Amino acid sequence: MAGQIKVMIDQIIEKKSKGNQAIAGAVKTKLILKGIRPEAYSMSSPDDPVIIGKLRDLAKEIGV
């Protein structure tokens, strides 16, 4: 199912920031530091199990 990474990124940002743009920016920065560029993924991006694993780990790390 293509686009799973985009959905996960959006959910992590939304749940952690709760609409606060400053926190959303901090979460995006954390993603970049983990090697995941949020703007590089779209709904048509293929799902990469390695990236999905990194996103799951990050979600646990930040409590989402």
PDB file of N, CA and C in Angstrom:
ATOM      1  N   MET A   1       0.847  -1.181   0.000  1.00  0.00           N
ATOM      2  CA  MET A   1       0.000   0.000   0.000  1.00  0.00           C
ATOM      3  C   MET A   1       0.891   1.244   0.000  1.00  0.00           C
ATOM      4  N   ALA A   2       0.937   1.938  -1.072  1.00  0.00           N
ATOM      5  CA  ALA A   2       1.755   3.145  -1.173  1.00  0.00           C
ATOM      6  C   ALA A   2       1.185   4.262  -0.309  1.00  0.00           C
ATOM      7  N   GLY A   3       2.063   5.100   0.214  1.00  0.00           N
ATOM      8  CA  GLY A   3       1.626   6.253   0.988  1.00  0.00           C
ATOM      9  C   GLY A   3       1.586   6.042   2.486  1.00  0.00           C
ATOM     10  N   GLN A   4       1.912   4.850   2.955  1.00  0.00           N
ATOM     11  CA  GLN A   4       1.853   4.566   4.384  1.00  0.00           C
ATOM     12  C   GLN A   4       2.846   5.441   5.157  1.00  0.00           C
ATOM     13  N   ILE A   5       4.007   5.697   4.588  1.00  0.00           N
ATOM     14  CA  ILE A   5       5.011   6.533   5.255  1.00  0.00           C
ATOM     15  C   ILE A   5       4.489   7.953   5.417  1.00  0.00           C
ATOM     16  N   LYS A   6       3.886   8.510   4.390  1.00  0.00           N
ATOM     17  CA  LYS A   6       3.328   9.866   4.444  1.00  0.00           C
ATOM     18  C   LYS A   6       2.272   9.966   5.534  1.00  0.00           C
ATOM     19  N   VAL A   7       1.399   8.967   5.612  1.00  0.00           N
ATOM     20  CA  VAL A   7       0.349   8.955   6.624  1.00  0.00           C
ATOM     21  C   VAL A   7       0.961   8.903   8.023  1.00  0.00           C
ATOM     22  N   MET A   8       1.955   8.056   8.198  1.00  0.00           N
ATOM     23  CA  MET A   8       2.600   7.927   9.508  1.00  0.00           C
ATOM     24  C   MET A   8       3.276   9.237   9.922  1.00  0.00           C
ATOM     25  N   ILE A   9       3.985   9.868   9.000  1.00  0.00           N
ATOM     26  CA  ILE A   9       4.655  11.141   9.289  1.00  0.00           C
ATOM     27  C   ILE A   9       3.623  12.186   9.709  1.00  0.00           C
ATOM     28  N   ASP A  10       2.554  12.291   8.938  1.00  0.00           N
ATOM     29  CA  ASP A  10       1.509  13.277   9.252  1.00  0.00           C
ATOM     30  C   ASP A  10       0.871  13.006  10.609  1.00  0.00           C
ATOM     31  N   GLN A  11       0.631  11.743  10.923  1.00  0.00           N
ATOM     32  CA  GLN A  11       0.020  11.402  12.213  1.00  0.00           C
ATOM     33  C   GLN A  11       0.956  11.727  13.375  1.00  0.00           C
ATOM     34  N   ILE A  12       2.234  11.420  13.229  1.00  0.00           N
ATOM     35  CA  ILE A  12       3.194  11.712  14.294  1.00  0.00           C
ATOM     36  C   ILE A  12       3.249  13.210  14.545  1.00  0.00           C
ATOM     37  N   ILE A  13       3.347  13.994  13.482  1.00  0.00           N
ATOM     38  CA  ILE A  13       3.429  15.453  13.617  1.00  0.00           C
ATOM     39  C   ILE A  13       2.144  15.992  14.242  1.00  0.00           C
ATOM     40  N   GLU A  14       1.003  15.540  13.756  1.00  0.00           N
ATOM     41  CA  GLU A  14      -0.288  16.038  14.246  1.00  0.00           C
ATOM     42  C   GLU A  14      -0.511  15.690  15.719  1.00  0.00           C
ATOM     43  N   LYS A  15      -0.251  14.445  16.089  1.00  0.00           N
ATOM     44  CA  LYS A  15      -0.499  14.018  17.466  1.00  0.00           C
ATOM     45  C   LYS A  15       0.451  14.679  18.455  1.00  0.00           C
ATOM     46  N   LYS A  16       1.696  14.866  18.065  1.00  0.00           N
ATOM     47  CA  LYS A  16       2.661  15.467  18.988  1.00  0.00           C
ATOM     48  C   LYS A  16       2.459  16.977  19.096  1.00  0.00           C
ATOM     49  N   SER A  17       2.171  17.640  17.985  1.00  0.00           N
ATOM     50  CA  SER A  17       2.092  19.112  17.994  1.00  0.00           C
ATOM     51  C   SER A  17       0.730  19.635  18.439  1.00  0.00           C
ATOM     52  N   LYS A  18      -0.331  18.866  18.224  1.00  0.00           N
ATOM     53  CA  LYS A  18      -1.695  19.298  18.559  1.00  0.00           C
ATOM     54  C   LYS A  18      -1.998  20.696  18.018  1.00  0.00           C
ATOM     55  N   GLY A  19      -1.542  20.961  16.795  1.00  0.00           N
ATOM     56  CA  GLY A  19      -1.825  22.234  16.138  1.00  0.00           C
ATOM     57  C   GLY A  19      -0.811  23.339  16.384  1.00  0.00           C
ATOM     58  N   ASN A  20       0.125  23.136  17.291  1.00  0.00           N
ATOM     59  CA  ASN A  20       1.140  24.144  17.597  1.00  0.00           C
ATOM     60  C   ASN A  20       2.241  24.068  16.536  1.00  0.00           C
ATOM     61  N   GLN A  21       2.385  25.132  15.752  1.00  0.00           N
ATOM     62  CA  GLN A  21       3.334  25.133  14.641  1.00  0.00           C
ATOM     63  C   GLN A  21       4.786  25.032  15.099  1.00  0.00           C
ATOM     64  N   ALA A  22       5.101  25.602  16.259  1.00  0.00           N
ATOM     65  CA  ALA A  22       6.470  25.531  16.769  1.00  0.00           C
ATOM     66  C   ALA A  22       6.840  24.084  17.094  1.00  0.00           C
ATOM     67  N   ILE A  23       5.922  23.369  17.727  1.00  0.00           N
ATOM     68  CA  ILE A  23       6.184  21.965  18.061  1.00  0.00           C
ATOM     69  C   ILE A  23       6.223  21.122  16.784  1.00  0.00           C
ATOM     70  N   ALA A  24       5.353  21.429  15.837  1.00  0.00           N
ATOM     71  CA  ALA A  24       5.357  20.713  14.556  1.00  0.00           C
ATOM     72  C   ALA A  24       6.714  20.867  13.873  1.00  0.00           C
ATOM     73  N   GLY A  25       7.273  22.067  13.920  1.00  0.00           N
ATOM     74  CA  GLY A  25       8.597  22.302  13.342  1.00  0.00           C
ATOM     75  C   GLY A  25       9.673  21.513  14.060  1.00  0.00           C
ATOM     76  N   ALA A  26       9.557  21.419  15.380  1.00  0.00           N
ATOM     77  CA  ALA A  26      10.527  20.649  16.165  1.00  0.00           C
ATOM     78  C   ALA A  26      10.445  19.162  15.825  1.00  0.00           C
ATOM     79  N   VAL A  27       9.230  18.655  15.634  1.00  0.00           N
ATOM     80  CA  VAL A  27       9.053  17.246  15.275  1.00  0.00           C
ATOM     81  C   VAL A  27       9.631  16.987  13.888  1.00  0.00           C
ATOM     82  N   LYS A  28       9.405  17.903  12.961  1.00  0.00           N
ATOM     83  CA  LYS A  28       9.965  17.748  11.612  1.00  0.00           C
ATOM     84  C   LYS A  28      11.486  17.740  11.675  1.00  0.00           C
ATOM     85  N   THR A  29      12.057  18.603  12.515  1.00  0.00           N
ATOM     86  CA  THR A  29      13.509  18.637  12.677  1.00  0.00           C
ATOM     87  C   THR A  29      14.011  17.312  13.235  1.00  0.00           C
ATOM     88  N   LYS A  30      13.308  16.763  14.199  1.00  0.00           N
ATOM     89  CA  LYS A  30      13.689  15.469  14.785  1.00  0.00           C
ATOM     90  C   LYS A  30      13.647  14.373  13.722  1.00  0.00           C
ATOM     91  N   LEU A  31      12.630  14.418  12.857  1.00  0.00           N
ATOM     92  CA  LEU A  31      12.545  13.449  11.761  1.00  0.00           C
ATOM     93  C   LEU A  31      13.760  13.566  10.843  1.00  0.00           C
ATOM     94  N   ILE A  32      14.124  14.795  10.518  1.00  0.00           N
ATOM     95  CA  ILE A  32      15.280  15.017   9.642  1.00  0.00           C
ATOM     96  C   ILE A  32      16.554  14.499  10.292  1.00  0.00           C
ATOM     97  N   LEU A  33      16.711  14.734  11.593  1.00  0.00           N
ATOM     98  CA  LEU A  33      17.887  14.244  12.304  1.00  0.00           C
ATOM     99  C   LEU A  33      17.939  12.715  12.333  1.00  0.00           C
ATOM    100  N   LYS A  34      16.788  12.075  12.249  1.00  0.00           N
ATOM    101  CA  LYS A  34      16.717  10.610  12.209  1.00  0.00           C
ATOM    102  C   LYS A  34      16.893  10.080  10.781  1.00  0.00           C
ATOM    103  N   GLY A  35      17.073  10.988   9.814  1.00  0.00           N
ATOM    104  CA  GLY A  35      17.298  10.571   8.437  1.00  0.00           C
ATOM    105  C   GLY A  35      16.044  10.462   7.591  1.00  0.00           C
ATOM    106  N   ILE A  36      14.949  11.077   8.053  1.00  0.00           N
ATOM    107  CA  ILE A  36      13.679  11.022   7.319  1.00  0.00           C
ATOM    108  C   ILE A  36      13.273  12.446   6.947  1.00  0.00           C
ATOM    109  N   ARG A  37      13.267  12.757   5.655  1.00  0.00           N
ATOM    110  CA  ARG A  37      12.843  14.079   5.192  1.00  0.00           C
ATOM    111  C   ARG A  37      11.347  14.036   4.907  1.00  0.00           C
ATOM    112  N   PRO A  38      10.531  14.678   5.760  1.00  0.00           N
ATOM    113  CA  PRO A  38       9.071  14.608   5.600  1.00  0.00           C
ATOM    114  C   PRO A  38       8.577  15.073   4.235  1.00  0.00           C
ATOM    115  N   GLU A  39       9.204  16.092   3.672  1.00  0.00           N
ATOM    116  CA  GLU A  39       8.734  16.620   2.389  1.00  0.00           C
ATOM    117  C   GLU A  39       9.063  15.691   1.222  1.00  0.00           C
ATOM    118  N   ALA A  40       9.885  14.692   1.450  1.00  0.00           N
ATOM    119  CA  ALA A  40      10.276  13.768   0.376  1.00  0.00           C
ATOM    120  C   ALA A  40       9.226  12.683   0.128  1.00  0.00           C
ATOM    121  N   TYR A  41       8.236  12.586   1.009  1.00  0.00           N
ATOM    122  CA  TYR A  41       7.246  11.518   0.894  1.00  0.00           C
ATOM    123  C   TYR A  41       5.876  12.073   0.536  1.00  0.00           C
ATOM    124  N   SER A  42       5.205  11.353  -0.354  1.00  0.00           N
ATOM    125  CA  SER A  42       3.841  11.716  -0.757  1.00  0.00           C
ATOM    126  C   SER A  42       2.979  10.459  -0.687  1.00  0.00           C
ATOM    127  N   MET A  43       1.722  10.613  -1.010  1.00  0.00           N
ATOM    128  CA  MET A  43       0.803   9.478  -0.978  1.00  0.00           C
ATOM    129  C   MET A  43       1.156   8.427  -2.040  1.00  0.00           C
ATOM    130  N   SER A  44       1.968   8.788  -3.019  1.00  0.00           N
ATOM    131  CA  SER A  44       2.350   7.819  -4.049  1.00  0.00           C
ATOM    132  C   SER A  44       3.742   7.231  -3.810  1.00  0.00           C
ATOM    133  N   SER A  45       4.386   7.614  -2.704  1.00  0.00           N
ATOM    134  CA  SER A  45       5.717   7.085  -2.387  1.00  0.00           C
ATOM    135  C   SER A  45       5.607   5.612  -1.994  1.00  0.00           C
ATOM    136  N   PRO A  46       6.540   4.795  -2.487  1.00  0.00           N
ATOM    137  CA  PRO A  46       6.505   3.379  -2.098  1.00  0.00           C
ATOM    138  C   PRO A  46       6.850   3.218  -0.617  1.00  0.00           C
ATOM    139  N   ASP A  47       6.304   2.200  -0.003  1.00  0.00           N
ATOM    140  CA  ASP A  47       6.543   1.944   1.418  1.00  0.00           C
ATOM    141  C   ASP A  47       7.865   1.208   1.594  1.00  0.00           C
ATOM    142  N   ASP A  48       8.723   1.759   2.426  1.00  0.00           N
ATOM    143  CA  ASP A  48      10.028   1.178   2.722  1.00  0.00           C
ATOM    144  C   ASP A  48       9.986   0.662   4.159  1.00  0.00           C
ATOM    145  N   PRO A  49      10.153  -0.647   4.360  1.00  0.00           N
ATOM    146  CA  PRO A  49      10.070  -1.208   5.714  1.00  0.00           C
ATOM    147  C   PRO A  49      11.084  -0.593   6.684  1.00  0.00           C
ATOM    148  N   VAL A  50      12.233  -0.189   6.202  1.00  0.00           N
ATOM    149  CA  VAL A  50      13.242   0.418   7.072  1.00  0.00           C
ATOM    150  C   VAL A  50      12.747   1.767   7.604  1.00  0.00           C
ATOM    151  N   ILE A  51      12.180   2.590   6.732  1.00  0.00           N
ATOM    152  CA  ILE A  51      11.655   3.903   7.130  1.00  0.00           C
ATOM    153  C   ILE A  51      10.459   3.729   8.067  1.00  0.00           C
ATOM    154  N   ILE A  52       9.609   2.778   7.775  1.00  0.00           N
ATOM    155  CA  ILE A  52       8.451   2.511   8.636  1.00  0.00           C
ATOM    156  C   ILE A  52       8.918   2.112  10.030  1.00  0.00           C
ATOM    157  N   GLY A  53       9.954   1.303  10.106  1.00  0.00           N
ATOM    158  CA  GLY A  53      10.520   0.919  11.397  1.00  0.00           C
ATOM    159  C   GLY A  53      11.077   2.113  12.154  1.00  0.00           C
ATOM    160  N   LYS A  54      11.784   2.995  11.438  1.00  0.00           N
ATOM    161  CA  LYS A  54      12.321   4.208  12.068  1.00  0.00           C
ATOM    162  C   LYS A  54      11.195   5.087  12.601  1.00  0.00           C
ATOM    163  N   LEU A  55      10.112   5.197  11.838  1.00  0.00           N
ATOM    164  CA  LEU A  55       8.975   6.015  12.268  1.00  0.00           C
ATOM    165  C   LEU A  55       8.305   5.417  13.506  1.00  0.00           C
ATOM    166  N   ARG A  56       8.177   4.111  13.551  1.00  0.00           N
ATOM    167  CA  ARG A  56       7.582   3.462  14.732  1.00  0.00           C
ATOM    168  C   ARG A  56       8.456   3.692  15.964  1.00  0.00           C
ATOM    169  N   ASP A  57       9.781   3.575  15.793  1.00  0.00           N
ATOM    170  CA  ASP A  57      10.696   3.813  16.897  1.00  0.00           C
ATOM    171  C   ASP A  57      10.607   5.262  17.380  1.00  0.00           C
ATOM    172  N   LEU A  58      10.549   6.185  16.438  1.00  0.00           N
ATOM    173  CA  LEU A  58      10.454   7.601  16.795  1.00  0.00           C
ATOM    174  C   LEU A  58       9.154   7.899  17.529  1.00  0.00           C
ATOM    175  N   ALA A  59       8.060   7.308  17.054  1.00  0.00           N
ATOM    176  CA  ALA A  59       6.764   7.524  17.697  1.00  0.00           C
ATOM    177  C   ALA A  59       6.803   7.056  19.157  1.00  0.00           C
ATOM    178  N   LYS A  60       7.417   5.904  19.396  1.00  0.00           N
ATOM    179  CA  LYS A  60       7.559   5.416  20.778  1.00  0.00           C
ATOM    180  C   LYS A  60       8.441   6.342  21.583  1.00  0.00           C
ATOM    181  N   GLU A  61       9.519   6.805  20.980  1.00  0.00           N
ATOM    182  CA  GLU A  61      10.485   7.672  21.662  1.00  0.00           C
ATOM    183  C   GLU A  61       9.863   8.989  22.123  1.00  0.00           C
ATOM    184  N   ILE A  62       8.995   9.554  21.292  1.00  0.00           N
ATOM    185  CA  ILE A  62       8.412  10.848  21.649  1.00  0.00           C
ATOM    186  C   ILE A  62       7.035  10.713  22.295  1.00  0.00           C
ATOM    187  N   GLY A  63       6.600   9.490  22.498  1.00  0.00           N
ATOM    188  CA  GLY A  63       5.361   9.256  23.222  1.00  0.00           C
ATOM    189  C   GLY A  63       4.085   9.490  22.461  1.00  0.00           C
ATOM    190  N   VAL A  64       4.084   9.097  21.205  1.00  0.00           N
ATOM    191  CA  VAL A  64       2.882   9.246  20.381  1.00  0.00           C
ATOM    192  C   VAL A  64       2.253   7.890  20.154  1.00  0.00           C
TER     193      VAL A  64
END
